[in-house]
Every structure is written in structure tokens, then in C-alpha cells.
């Protein structure tokens, strides 16, 4: 590889700039592993599963992918498998709930896919990719890239046998032995942050840490809606320390049956999407970090599909 091409690829924040130099018309795939790595040694994979990215999705997602460390002078060998094929493999696993070793053979080897997943998990790259997609979706919807309001809630799910006793617990309210996902979403139902804990961890204790993370990452955030489980000192803490108003949306005592409550339904829609990913119906991950990464991967699929949908033309 010539030095000029290498310098062209070394843009510090985005994947797209690395592909901006030469034409990709002669390439079977325009991912960085094909352009500058060793992915050309392996054949191209045919798209055949519903979870595979369409060409429109890939064209939208490719510029938002983080540039790999080996292309930014941080060491490591150039990757030998197509980035698009690896992303499709992870999307297949999250959506279908299969085991790592049971990934279909037309994808790259499972251990290479898992190594990619682990690297993105440990270095925060999956969240970086997710956040870039979220900003793009908000812009497409006519919103500011950064949210000013959000909704917080938690979801308890049963844990698989691989989940150790150090990260699982019993939720007495839901009668679930497993883990709990604490999430904050924006007013479009897009994920701002997720934290996975044992199911016996209280909502207010987890929310104090989660809201601090969200407030540090999203400086425009000024209002967060929550249910009655987040009352007490958390409201004063959020306002005094985080400068975030925590508004409690209460359910009236005379309500009977299912009632849609203002703002709280937004986070429930996010949970409904997560439960459509079979890998997330239960918690199958040994570490809470992997469990959080699976949530981010599920939401990236939602957002790439939303971005790829044709928008109606304005009269």
C-alpha cells in the first residue's frame, strides 16, 4: 500500500473518509477490509437472510463505521474478512438468537465474528457506531442531533444458565430470576444509554449511575420522564447534581386494566423492539458488557432499516 493511500485512509473519526480517495467501481466491496486489508483473499458472500443489510442500508451505514485501529497506526494485522459480512453475521445472531458456534457457514468463521464483536464491545466502538446512527435518524426526522428530553425505565428478563451468580438476582416485583436492563431513550424511542445489572438492583440506585452517564454524554438533556419507581431522593439528586428535571408520570389509583400513560409508552416501544430480537428474549451473555452490546446491536438494525425506508415526497 502506498503512503498516499494510507494517509488518505487515516481519518480519525469516521469510516467514510477512508473510502473517499479512489473510485470503488472496480471493487466487489468497498469496506476497508477489502480496500486496504486482506478480505480480498476470500470470496464474496451472497445476501440471503432477512437480516442482511440491503445495498441502501450499507451505503448509509458504511460512512458511519469507526475506522479500525490497524488502519489508524495503532498496531494489529489488517482484517481478513469483509466488514459487511461480519456485521451481517452479528445481526443474524442477535435477531435469530443462535449460538456463536452455530452461525451459518456462509458467514466468516464464528471465532472471527466473535473477535470482531468483542473488540467493538471492549473499545466502545459499537456504541460509537450506534450513536452516529441515532444522530442521523434524528436529523432525518427533523430533530436536533442531540436530545433535550428522554424517558427512563427498566426491564427484567430471565437469565440463562451461563449467567453467574455475581451478576444475577431475583426481582421480587416481577418474580424474575435474572438480570435487569436499565435504559434511557429519547422522545423518538431511540436508545441513549443502557446499563445491565442483576435483577435485584433497585431502579433508583441504577438510575443514579445511568443518568449521570447520560447527562455527561448529552449536555442538552434537561428533562427525563419516569414512573413512580423513581421517586424519592433521586428527583432532588438529578436536579441538584445533574441539572436534569426528573418528571414522575404517575398512574392514577382509579385506573383499571391497560392504560397508555403520557411519555412512558415511548420507552415501552423500545422494549417491544428489543424483545423481537430473539437473543434478547432471555439474557444469554456471560458478562453484562456483552449484554449491553447486544442491545446496541439490536438498535443499530432498527435504525439502519429506518434510514433506508423511502421517505414520501413533499407536495
C-alpha atoms as a PDB file:
ATOM      1  CA  UNK A   1       0.000   0.000   0.000  1.00  0.00           C
ATOM      2  CA  UNK A   2       1.378   3.401  -0.949  1.00  0.00           C
ATOM      3  CA  UNK A   3       1.850   6.042   1.715  1.00  0.00           C
ATOM      4  CA  UNK A   4      -0.555   8.420  -0.017  1.00  0.00           C
ATOM      5  CA  UNK A   5      -3.379   5.883   0.047  1.00  0.00           C
ATOM      6  CA  UNK A   6      -2.583   5.014   3.652  1.00  0.00           C
ATOM      7  CA  UNK A   7      -2.688   8.659   4.725  1.00  0.00           C
ATOM      8  CA  UNK A   8      -5.952   9.053   2.881  1.00  0.00           C
ATOM      9  CA  UNK A   9      -7.421   6.271   4.973  1.00  0.00           C
ATOM     10  CA  UNK A  10      -6.232   7.584   8.332  1.00  0.00           C
ATOM     11  CA  UNK A  11      -9.103   9.848   9.201  1.00  0.00           C
ATOM     12  CA  UNK A  12      -9.520   9.840  12.972  1.00  0.00           C
ATOM     13  CA  UNK A  13     -13.262   9.597  13.453  1.00  0.00           C
ATOM     14  CA  UNK A  14     -15.161   8.117  10.540  1.00  0.00           C
ATOM     15  CA  UNK A  15     -15.043   5.176   8.229  1.00  0.00           C
ATOM     16  CA  UNK A  16     -16.410   7.071   5.261  1.00  0.00           C
ATOM     17  CA  UNK A  17     -13.435   9.384   4.785  1.00  0.00           C
ATOM     18  CA  UNK A  18     -11.155   6.419   4.268  1.00  0.00           C
ATOM     19  CA  UNK A  19     -13.075   5.431   1.178  1.00  0.00           C
ATOM     20  CA  UNK A  20     -13.141   8.906  -0.318  1.00  0.00           C
ATOM     21  CA  UNK A  21      -9.943   8.783  -2.350  1.00  0.00           C
ATOM     22  CA  UNK A  22     -10.130   6.361  -5.220  1.00  0.00           C
ATOM     23  CA  UNK A  23     -13.119   5.003  -7.075  1.00  0.00           C
ATOM     24  CA  UNK A  24     -14.621   1.786  -5.747  1.00  0.00           C
ATOM     25  CA  UNK A  25     -16.263   0.895  -9.061  1.00  0.00           C
ATOM     26  CA  UNK A  26     -13.725  -1.847  -9.672  1.00  0.00           C
ATOM     27  CA  UNK A  27     -14.114  -3.337  -6.194  1.00  0.00           C
ATOM     28  CA  UNK A  28     -16.594  -6.066  -5.306  1.00  0.00           C
ATOM     29  CA  UNK A  29     -16.984  -4.482  -1.864  1.00  0.00           C
ATOM     30  CA  UNK A  30     -15.991  -1.040  -0.640  1.00  0.00           C
ATOM     31  CA  UNK A  31     -15.387  -1.911   3.021  1.00  0.00           C
ATOM     32  CA  UNK A  32     -11.958  -1.080   4.443  1.00  0.00           C
ATOM     33  CA  UNK A  33     -11.072  -4.753   4.852  1.00  0.00           C
ATOM     34  CA  UNK A  34     -11.424  -5.144   1.081  1.00  0.00           C
ATOM     35  CA  UNK A  35      -9.860  -1.812   0.167  1.00  0.00           C
ATOM     36  CA  UNK A  36      -6.832  -1.893   2.449  1.00  0.00           C
ATOM     37  CA  UNK A  37      -6.938  -5.247   4.265  1.00  0.00           C
ATOM     38  CA  UNK A  38      -6.801  -8.864   3.216  1.00  0.00           C
ATOM     39  CA  UNK A  39     -10.502  -9.563   2.736  1.00  0.00           C
ATOM     40  CA  UNK A  40      -9.944  -9.952  -0.989  1.00  0.00           C
ATOM     41  CA  UNK A  41      -8.418 -13.371  -0.260  1.00  0.00           C
ATOM     42  CA  UNK A  42     -11.917 -14.688   0.491  1.00  0.00           C
ATOM     43  CA  UNK A  43     -14.868 -14.932  -1.834  1.00  0.00           C
ATOM     44  CA  UNK A  44     -17.813 -12.562  -1.743  1.00  0.00           C
ATOM     45  CA  UNK A  45     -20.825 -13.716   0.218  1.00  0.00           C
ATOM     46  CA  UNK A  46     -24.285 -13.829  -1.338  1.00  0.00           C
ATOM     47  CA  UNK A  47     -27.036 -11.994   0.566  1.00  0.00           C
ATOM     48  CA  UNK A  48     -29.757 -14.461   1.520  1.00  0.00           C
ATOM     49  CA  UNK A  49     -31.137 -13.755   5.030  1.00  0.00           C
ATOM     50  CA  UNK A  50     -33.748 -11.169   6.074  1.00  0.00           C
ATOM     51  CA  UNK A  51     -31.232  -9.656   8.497  1.00  0.00           C
ATOM     52  CA  UNK A  52     -28.656  -8.964   5.789  1.00  0.00           C
ATOM     53  CA  UNK A  53     -28.142  -5.289   5.076  1.00  0.00           C
ATOM     54  CA  UNK A  54     -29.556  -4.098   1.797  1.00  0.00           C
ATOM     55  CA  UNK A  55     -27.344  -2.075  -0.509  1.00  0.00           C
ATOM     56  CA  UNK A  56     -29.131   1.067   0.639  1.00  0.00           C
ATOM     57  CA  UNK A  57     -28.530   0.210   4.305  1.00  0.00           C
ATOM     58  CA  UNK A  58     -24.863  -0.498   3.656  1.00  0.00           C
ATOM     59  CA  UNK A  59     -24.403   2.747   1.730  1.00  0.00           C
ATOM     60  CA  UNK A  60     -25.866   4.639   4.694  1.00  0.00           C
ATOM     61  CA  UNK A  61     -24.022   2.699   7.403  1.00  0.00           C
ATOM     62  CA  UNK A  62     -20.576   2.422   5.800  1.00  0.00           C
ATOM     63  CA  UNK A  63     -19.530   6.082   6.275  1.00  0.00           C
ATOM     64  CA  UNK A  64     -20.526   5.881   9.953  1.00  0.00           C
ATOM     65  CA  UNK A  65     -18.406   2.842  10.854  1.00  0.00           C
ATOM     66  CA  UNK A  66     -15.386   3.533  13.096  1.00  0.00           C
ATOM     67  CA  UNK A  67     -12.031   3.241  11.355  1.00  0.00           C
ATOM     68  CA  UNK A  68     -10.239   0.076  12.622  1.00  0.00           C
ATOM     69  CA  UNK A  69      -7.150   0.509  14.749  1.00  0.00           C
ATOM     70  CA  UNK A  70      -4.801  -1.254  12.318  1.00  0.00           C
ATOM     71  CA  UNK A  71      -5.615   1.425   9.737  1.00  0.00           C
ATOM     72  CA  UNK A  72      -5.018   4.247  12.215  1.00  0.00           C
ATOM     73  CA  UNK A  73      -1.474   3.191  13.098  1.00  0.00           C
ATOM     74  CA  UNK A  74      -2.406   1.511  16.376  1.00  0.00           C
ATOM     75  CA  UNK A  75      -0.972  -1.883  15.542  1.00  0.00           C
ATOM     76  CA  UNK A  76      -2.560  -5.174  14.633  1.00  0.00           C
ATOM     77  CA  UNK A  77      -2.874  -7.009  11.360  1.00  0.00           C
ATOM     78  CA  UNK A  78      -5.183  -5.913   8.555  1.00  0.00           C
ATOM     79  CA  UNK A  79      -8.508  -7.690   8.795  1.00  0.00           C
ATOM     80  CA  UNK A  80      -9.054 -10.676   6.546  1.00  0.00           C
ATOM     81  CA  UNK A  81     -12.845 -10.729   6.381  1.00  0.00           C
ATOM     82  CA  UNK A  82     -15.361  -8.347   4.872  1.00  0.00           C
ATOM     83  CA  UNK A  83     -16.798  -5.842   7.355  1.00  0.00           C
ATOM     84  CA  UNK A  84     -20.206  -6.014   5.744  1.00  0.00           C
ATOM     85  CA  UNK A  85     -20.271  -9.816   6.063  1.00  0.00           C
ATOM     86  CA  UNK A  86     -19.229  -9.619   9.726  1.00  0.00           C
ATOM     87  CA  UNK A  87     -21.920  -7.040  10.506  1.00  0.00           C
ATOM     88  CA  UNK A  88     -24.482  -9.233   8.766  1.00  0.00           C
ATOM     89  CA  UNK A  89     -23.338 -12.194  10.882  1.00  0.00           C
ATOM     90  CA  UNK A  90     -23.787 -10.263  14.139  1.00  0.00           C
ATOM     91  CA  UNK A  91     -27.199  -9.005  13.020  1.00  0.00           C
ATOM     92  CA  UNK A  92     -28.173 -12.604  12.196  1.00  0.00           C
ATOM     93  CA  UNK A  93     -27.081 -13.809  15.636  1.00  0.00           C
ATOM     94  CA  UNK A  94     -28.904 -11.045  17.527  1.00  0.00           C
ATOM     95  CA  UNK A  95     -32.112 -11.364  15.528  1.00  0.00           C
ATOM     96  CA  UNK A  96     -32.310 -15.168  15.454  1.00  0.00           C
ATOM     97  CA  UNK A  97     -30.835 -15.933  18.879  1.00  0.00           C
ATOM     98  CA  UNK A  98     -28.423 -18.555  17.622  1.00  0.00           C
ATOM     99  CA  UNK A  99     -25.206 -19.607  19.343  1.00  0.00           C
ATOM    100  CA  UNK A 100     -21.888 -18.186  18.226  1.00  0.00           C
ATOM    101  CA  UNK A 101     -20.703 -21.593  17.023  1.00  0.00           C
ATOM    102  CA  UNK A 102     -23.974 -22.101  15.110  1.00  0.00           C
ATOM    103  CA  UNK A 103     -23.539 -19.091  12.800  1.00  0.00           C
ATOM    104  CA  UNK A 104     -24.219 -20.304   9.228  1.00  0.00           C
ATOM    105  CA  UNK A 105     -21.195 -21.355   7.235  1.00  0.00           C
ATOM    106  CA  UNK A 106     -21.607 -18.740   4.508  1.00  0.00           C
ATOM    107  CA  UNK A 107     -20.583 -16.077   7.046  1.00  0.00           C
ATOM    108  CA  UNK A 108     -16.948 -15.633   8.116  1.00  0.00           C
ATOM    109  CA  UNK A 109     -15.768 -18.180  10.745  1.00  0.00           C
ATOM    110  CA  UNK A 110     -17.604 -17.753  14.034  1.00  0.00           C
ATOM    111  CA  UNK A 111     -14.451 -17.087  16.032  1.00  0.00           C
ATOM    112  CA  UNK A 112     -13.511 -14.194  13.715  1.00  0.00           C
ATOM    113  CA  UNK A 113     -17.022 -12.769  14.038  1.00  0.00           C
ATOM    114  CA  UNK A 114     -16.853 -13.069  17.825  1.00  0.00           C
ATOM    115  CA  UNK A 115     -13.400 -11.466  17.881  1.00  0.00           C
ATOM    116  CA  UNK A 116     -14.857  -8.509  15.963  1.00  0.00           C
ATOM    117  CA  UNK A 117     -17.831  -8.333  18.360  1.00  0.00           C
ATOM    118  CA  UNK A 118     -15.536  -8.480  21.403  1.00  0.00           C
ATOM    119  CA  UNK A 119     -13.199  -5.794  20.049  1.00  0.00           C
ATOM    120  CA  UNK A 120     -16.073  -3.432  19.328  1.00  0.00           C
ATOM    121  CA  UNK A 121     -17.548  -4.171  22.750  1.00  0.00           C
ATOM    122  CA  UNK A 122     -14.337  -3.605  24.722  1.00  0.00           C
ATOM    123  CA  UNK A 123     -13.345  -0.403  22.906  1.00  0.00           C
ATOM    124  CA  UNK A 124     -16.806   1.156  22.821  1.00  0.00           C
ATOM    125  CA  UNK A 125     -16.980   1.045  19.024  1.00  0.00           C
ATOM    126  CA  UNK A 126     -20.454  -0.467  18.883  1.00  0.00           C
ATOM    127  CA  UNK A 127     -21.802   2.425  20.949  1.00  0.00           C
ATOM    128  CA  UNK A 128     -19.907   4.894  18.755  1.00  0.00           C
ATOM    129  CA  UNK A 129     -21.486   3.393  15.632  1.00  0.00           C
ATOM    130  CA  UNK A 130     -24.894   3.310  17.327  1.00  0.00           C
ATOM    131  CA  UNK A 131     -24.706   6.947  18.415  1.00  0.00           C
ATOM    132  CA  UNK A 132     -23.777   8.097  14.911  1.00  0.00           C
ATOM    133  CA  UNK A 133     -26.781   6.255  13.509  1.00  0.00           C
ATOM    134  CA  UNK A 134     -29.049   7.775  16.157  1.00  0.00           C
ATOM    135  CA  UNK A 135     -27.941  11.284  15.289  1.00  0.00           C
ATOM    136  CA  UNK A 136     -28.587  10.559  11.605  1.00  0.00           C
ATOM    137  CA  UNK A 137     -32.085   9.215  12.337  1.00  0.00           C
ATOM    138  CA  UNK A 138     -32.919  12.273  14.445  1.00  0.00           C
ATOM    139  CA  UNK A 139     -31.744  14.604  11.682  1.00  0.00           C
ATOM    140  CA  UNK A 140     -33.836  12.721   9.129  1.00  0.00           C
ATOM    141  CA  UNK A 141     -36.865  13.152  11.413  1.00  0.00           C
ATOM    142  CA  UNK A 142     -36.264  16.918  11.579  1.00  0.00           C
ATOM    143  CA  UNK A 143     -34.914  16.865  15.148  1.00  0.00           C
ATOM    144  CA  UNK A 144     -31.703  18.236  16.607  1.00  0.00           C
ATOM    145  CA  UNK A 145     -28.903  15.644  16.624  1.00  0.00           C
ATOM    146  CA  UNK A 146     -28.689  15.820  20.418  1.00  0.00           C
ATOM    147  CA  UNK A 147     -31.837  15.250  22.506  1.00  0.00           C
ATOM    148  CA  UNK A 148     -33.154  17.603  25.173  1.00  0.00           C
ATOM    149  CA  UNK A 149     -35.635  15.159  26.741  1.00  0.00           C
ATOM    150  CA  UNK A 150     -35.767  11.449  27.442  1.00  0.00           C
ATOM    151  CA  UNK A 151     -37.560   8.634  29.227  1.00  0.00           C
ATOM    152  CA  UNK A 152     -36.077   6.162  31.724  1.00  0.00           C
ATOM    153  CA  UNK A 153     -37.324   2.715  32.694  1.00  0.00           C
ATOM    154  CA  UNK A 154     -36.129  -0.830  33.380  1.00  0.00           C
ATOM    155  CA  UNK A 155     -36.910  -4.314  32.082  1.00  0.00           C
ATOM    156  CA  UNK A 156     -36.268  -7.578  33.940  1.00  0.00           C
ATOM    157  CA  UNK A 157     -35.511 -10.699  31.878  1.00  0.00           C
ATOM    158  CA  UNK A 158     -34.746 -14.264  32.822  1.00  0.00           C
ATOM    159  CA  UNK A 159     -31.094 -15.279  32.712  1.00  0.00           C
ATOM    160  CA  UNK A 160     -29.642 -18.348  31.065  1.00  0.00           C
ATOM    161  CA  UNK A 161     -27.613 -20.900  32.993  1.00  0.00           C
ATOM    162  CA  UNK A 162     -24.340 -19.344  31.755  1.00  0.00           C
ATOM    163  CA  UNK A 163     -25.048 -16.169  33.759  1.00  0.00           C
ATOM    164  CA  UNK A 164     -23.105 -16.356  37.009  1.00  0.00           C
ATOM    165  CA  UNK A 165     -24.430 -15.631  40.474  1.00  0.00           C
ATOM    166  CA  UNK A 166     -22.341 -12.451  40.655  1.00  0.00           C
ATOM    167  CA  UNK A 167     -24.475 -10.703  38.009  1.00  0.00           C
ATOM    168  CA  UNK A 168     -27.921 -12.215  38.504  1.00  0.00           C
ATOM    169  CA  UNK A 169     -30.607 -11.712  41.114  1.00  0.00           C
ATOM    170  CA  UNK A 170     -34.298 -12.057  41.870  1.00  0.00           C
ATOM    171  CA  UNK A 171     -36.728  -9.265  41.045  1.00  0.00           C
ATOM    172  CA  UNK A 172     -39.432  -9.628  43.678  1.00  0.00           C
ATOM    173  CA  UNK A 173     -41.838  -7.329  41.863  1.00  0.00           C
ATOM    174  CA  UNK A 174     -41.724  -9.178  38.537  1.00  0.00           C
ATOM    175  CA  UNK A 175     -40.846 -12.580  40.081  1.00  0.00           C
ATOM    176  CA  UNK A 176     -37.954 -12.982  37.661  1.00  0.00           C
ATOM    177  CA  UNK A 177     -34.588 -14.564  38.395  1.00  0.00           C
ATOM    178  CA  UNK A 178     -32.123 -12.945  36.044  1.00  0.00           C
ATOM    179  CA  UNK A 179     -30.912  -9.527  35.005  1.00  0.00           C
ATOM    180  CA  UNK A 180     -32.380  -6.069  34.573  1.00  0.00           C
ATOM    181  CA  UNK A 181     -31.894  -3.665  31.661  1.00  0.00           C
ATOM    182  CA  UNK A 182     -31.995  -0.012  32.649  1.00  0.00           C
ATOM    183  CA  UNK A 183     -32.446   2.226  29.608  1.00  0.00           C
ATOM    184  CA  UNK A 184     -32.847   5.888  28.740  1.00  0.00           C
ATOM    185  CA  UNK A 185     -34.420   6.702  25.364  1.00  0.00           C
ATOM    186  CA  UNK A 186     -35.145   9.947  23.561  1.00  0.00           C
ATOM    187  CA  UNK A 187     -38.623  11.082  22.532  1.00  0.00           C
ATOM    188  CA  UNK A 188     -38.354   9.047  19.305  1.00  0.00           C
ATOM    189  CA  UNK A 189     -37.769   5.872  21.315  1.00  0.00           C
ATOM    190  CA  UNK A 190     -34.103   5.674  20.283  1.00  0.00           C
ATOM    191  CA  UNK A 191     -31.626   4.434  22.841  1.00  0.00           C
ATOM    192  CA  UNK A 192     -29.419   6.948  24.644  1.00  0.00           C
ATOM    193  CA  UNK A 193     -27.808   4.531  27.096  1.00  0.00           C
ATOM    194  CA  UNK A 194     -28.288   1.087  28.618  1.00  0.00           C
ATOM    195  CA  UNK A 195     -26.931  -0.477  31.793  1.00  0.00           C
ATOM    196  CA  UNK A 196     -27.400  -4.160  32.654  1.00  0.00           C
ATOM    197  CA  UNK A 197     -27.404  -5.227  36.303  1.00  0.00           C
ATOM    198  CA  UNK A 198     -28.619  -8.090  38.431  1.00  0.00           C
ATOM    199  CA  UNK A 199     -32.417  -8.139  38.632  1.00  0.00           C
ATOM    200  CA  UNK A 200     -32.409  -7.374  42.363  1.00  0.00           C
ATOM    201  CA  UNK A 201     -30.728  -3.977  41.876  1.00  0.00           C
ATOM    202  CA  UNK A 202     -33.194  -1.175  42.631  1.00  0.00           C
ATOM    203  CA  UNK A 203     -34.307   1.153  39.867  1.00  0.00           C
ATOM    204  CA  UNK A 204     -33.306   4.299  41.758  1.00  0.00           C
ATOM    205  CA  UNK A 205     -29.811   3.032  42.573  1.00  0.00           C
ATOM    206  CA  UNK A 206     -29.152   2.090  38.960  1.00  0.00           C
ATOM    207  CA  UNK A 207     -30.784   5.265  37.629  1.00  0.00           C
ATOM    208  CA  UNK A 208     -28.413   7.465  39.607  1.00  0.00           C
ATOM    209  CA  UNK A 209     -25.430   5.996  37.742  1.00  0.00           C
ATOM    210  CA  UNK A 210     -27.186   5.767  34.391  1.00  0.00           C
ATOM    211  CA  UNK A 211     -28.489   9.331  34.447  1.00  0.00           C
ATOM    212  CA  UNK A 212     -25.021  10.589  35.329  1.00  0.00           C
ATOM    213  CA  UNK A 213     -23.618   8.812  32.249  1.00  0.00           C
ATOM    214  CA  UNK A 214     -26.370  10.166  30.010  1.00  0.00           C
ATOM    215  CA  UNK A 215     -26.069  13.731  31.328  1.00  0.00           C
ATOM    216  CA  UNK A 216     -22.302  13.663  30.755  1.00  0.00           C
ATOM    217  CA  UNK A 217     -22.706  12.442  27.179  1.00  0.00           C
ATOM    218  CA  UNK A 218     -25.713  14.599  26.221  1.00  0.00           C
ATOM    219  CA  UNK A 219     -25.264  18.113  27.548  1.00  0.00           C
ATOM    220  CA  UNK A 220     -28.567  19.360  26.133  1.00  0.00           C
ATOM    221  CA  UNK A 221     -30.589  16.835  28.110  1.00  0.00           C
ATOM    222  CA  UNK A 222     -32.783  18.792  30.531  1.00  0.00           C
ATOM    223  CA  UNK A 223     -35.886  16.656  31.161  1.00  0.00           C
ATOM    224  CA  UNK A 224     -36.392  12.943  31.787  1.00  0.00           C
ATOM    225  CA  UNK A 225     -39.771  11.293  32.380  1.00  0.00           C
ATOM    226  CA  UNK A 226     -40.011   8.306  34.724  1.00  0.00           C
ATOM    227  CA  UNK A 227     -42.592   6.175  36.505  1.00  0.00           C
ATOM    228  CA  UNK A 228     -43.380   6.032  40.212  1.00  0.00           C
ATOM    229  CA  UNK A 229     -40.456   3.724  40.912  1.00  0.00           C
ATOM    230  CA  UNK A 230     -38.008   6.624  40.570  1.00  0.00           C
ATOM    231  CA  UNK A 231     -39.436   8.906  43.243  1.00  0.00           C
ATOM    232  CA  UNK A 232     -37.618   9.996  46.407  1.00  0.00           C
ATOM    233  CA  UNK A 233     -34.155  11.472  46.698  1.00  0.00           C
ATOM    234  CA  UNK A 234     -33.367  10.674  43.039  1.00  0.00           C
ATOM    235  CA  UNK A 235     -35.508  13.605  41.924  1.00  0.00           C
ATOM    236  CA  UNK A 236     -33.532  16.070  44.062  1.00  0.00           C
ATOM    237  CA  UNK A 237     -30.220  14.472  43.099  1.00  0.00           C
ATOM    238  CA  UNK A 238     -30.974  14.753  39.369  1.00  0.00           C
ATOM    239  CA  UNK A 239     -31.829  18.433  39.634  1.00  0.00           C
ATOM    240  CA  UNK A 240     -29.078  19.474  42.049  1.00  0.00           C
ATOM    241  CA  UNK A 241     -26.164  17.421  40.687  1.00  0.00           C
ATOM    242  CA  UNK A 242     -27.035  16.664  37.055  1.00  0.00           C
ATOM    243  CA  UNK A 243     -29.199  19.727  36.246  1.00  0.00           C
ATOM    244  CA  UNK A 244     -31.827  17.356  34.851  1.00  0.00           C
ATOM    245  CA  UNK A 245     -35.513  17.593  35.781  1.00  0.00           C
ATOM    246  CA  UNK A 246     -36.863  14.120  36.601  1.00  0.00           C
ATOM    247  CA  UNK A 247     -40.616  14.296  35.970  1.00  0.00           C
ATOM    248  CA  UNK A 248     -42.646  11.473  37.502  1.00  0.00           C
ATOM    249  CA  UNK A 249     -45.599  10.293  35.395  1.00  0.00           C
ATOM    250  CA  UNK A 250     -47.910   8.630  37.890  1.00  0.00           C
ATOM    251  CA  UNK A 251     -50.634   6.099  37.304  1.00  0.00           C
ATOM    252  CA  UNK A 252     -53.937   7.075  38.890  1.00  0.00           C
ATOM    253  CA  UNK A 253     -55.295   4.753  41.571  1.00  0.00           C
ATOM    254  CA  UNK A 254     -58.683   4.530  39.853  1.00  0.00           C
ATOM    255  CA  UNK A 255     -57.232   3.242  36.564  1.00  0.00           C
ATOM    256  CA  UNK A 256     -58.197  -0.299  35.628  1.00  0.00           C
ATOM    257  CA  UNK A 257     -56.527  -2.502  33.041  1.00  0.00           C
ATOM    258  CA  UNK A 258     -54.079  -1.292  30.407  1.00  0.00           C
ATOM    259  CA  UNK A 259     -53.850   2.481  30.033  1.00  0.00           C
ATOM    260  CA  UNK A 260     -51.403   4.360  27.822  1.00  0.00           C
ATOM    261  CA  UNK A 261     -49.636   6.891  30.030  1.00  0.00           C
ATOM    262  CA  UNK A 262     -48.124  10.079  28.571  1.00  0.00           C
ATOM    263  CA  UNK A 263     -44.448   9.728  27.583  1.00  0.00           C
ATOM    264  CA  UNK A 264     -43.978   6.408  29.388  1.00  0.00           C
ATOM    265  CA  UNK A 265     -45.233   4.468  26.369  1.00  0.00           C
ATOM    266  CA  UNK A 266     -42.195   5.669  24.404  1.00  0.00           C
ATOM    267  CA  UNK A 267     -39.737   3.540  26.383  1.00  0.00           C
ATOM    268  CA  UNK A 268     -42.144   0.593  26.280  1.00  0.00           C
ATOM    269  CA  UNK A 269     -41.965   0.728  22.498  1.00  0.00           C
ATOM    270  CA  UNK A 270     -38.184   0.429  22.744  1.00  0.00           C
ATOM    271  CA  UNK A 271     -38.549  -2.644  24.985  1.00  0.00           C
ATOM    272  CA  UNK A 272     -41.014  -4.127  22.490  1.00  0.00           C
ATOM    273  CA  UNK A 273     -38.407  -3.818  19.747  1.00  0.00           C
ATOM    274  CA  UNK A 274     -35.737  -5.448  21.889  1.00  0.00           C
ATOM    275  CA  UNK A 275     -37.983  -8.411  22.599  1.00  0.00           C
ATOM    276  CA  UNK A 276     -38.331  -9.026  18.869  1.00  0.00           C
ATOM    277  CA  UNK A 277     -34.613  -9.852  18.831  1.00  0.00           C
ATOM    278  CA  UNK A 278     -34.510 -13.467  19.980  1.00  0.00           C
ATOM    279  CA  UNK A 279     -31.059 -13.099  21.522  1.00  0.00           C
ATOM    280  CA  UNK A 280     -32.613 -10.578  23.945  1.00  0.00           C
ATOM    281  CA  UNK A 281     -35.718 -12.520  24.955  1.00  0.00           C
ATOM    282  CA  UNK A 282     -33.524 -14.015  27.679  1.00  0.00           C
ATOM    283  CA  UNK A 283     -30.097 -12.933  28.839  1.00  0.00           C
ATOM    284  CA  UNK A 284     -27.626 -15.420  27.345  1.00  0.00           C
ATOM    285  CA  UNK A 285     -24.450 -13.383  27.930  1.00  0.00           C
ATOM    286  CA  UNK A 286     -21.778 -14.286  30.466  1.00  0.00           C
ATOM    287  CA  UNK A 287     -20.856 -10.638  31.068  1.00  0.00           C
ATOM    288  CA  UNK A 288     -23.040  -7.575  31.468  1.00  0.00           C
ATOM    289  CA  UNK A 289     -20.832  -5.811  28.911  1.00  0.00           C
ATOM    290  CA  UNK A 290     -21.837  -8.332  26.251  1.00  0.00           C
ATOM    291  CA  UNK A 291     -25.482  -7.993  27.280  1.00  0.00           C
ATOM    292  CA  UNK A 292     -25.304  -4.238  26.793  1.00  0.00           C
ATOM    293  CA  UNK A 293     -23.549  -4.645  23.435  1.00  0.00           C
ATOM    294  CA  UNK A 294     -26.340  -6.936  22.223  1.00  0.00           C
ATOM    295  CA  UNK A 295     -28.871  -4.204  22.989  1.00  0.00           C
ATOM    296  CA  UNK A 296     -26.852  -1.676  20.979  1.00  0.00           C
ATOM    297  CA  UNK A 297     -26.572  -4.101  18.043  1.00  0.00           C
ATOM    298  CA  UNK A 298     -30.322  -4.679  18.073  1.00  0.00           C
ATOM    299  CA  UNK A 299     -30.956  -0.938  17.933  1.00  0.00           C
ATOM    300  CA  UNK A 300     -28.474  -0.431  15.071  1.00  0.00           C
ATOM    301  CA  UNK A 301     -30.540  -2.832  12.970  1.00  0.00           C
ATOM    302  CA  UNK A 302     -33.677  -0.836  13.746  1.00  0.00           C
ATOM    303  CA  UNK A 303     -32.016   2.436  12.770  1.00  0.00           C
ATOM    304  CA  UNK A 304     -30.370   1.287   9.523  1.00  0.00           C
ATOM    305  CA  UNK A 305     -33.743  -0.049   8.379  1.00  0.00           C
ATOM    306  CA  UNK A 306     -35.450   3.185   9.356  1.00  0.00           C
ATOM    307  CA  UNK A 307     -32.880   5.243   7.478  1.00  0.00           C
ATOM    308  CA  UNK A 308     -33.224   3.063   4.386  1.00  0.00           C
ATOM    309  CA  UNK A 309     -37.001   3.426   4.205  1.00  0.00           C
ATOM    310  CA  UNK A 310     -38.105   5.618   1.296  1.00  0.00           C
ATOM    311  CA  UNK A 311     -39.378   8.948   2.508  1.00  0.00           C
ATOM    312  CA  UNK A 312     -42.599  10.295   0.986  1.00  0.00           C
ATOM    313  CA  UNK A 313     -42.016  13.275  -1.237  1.00  0.00           C
ATOM    314  CA  UNK A 314     -43.488  16.584  -0.130  1.00  0.00           C
ATOM    315  CA  UNK A 315     -46.046  18.161  -2.396  1.00  0.00           C
END
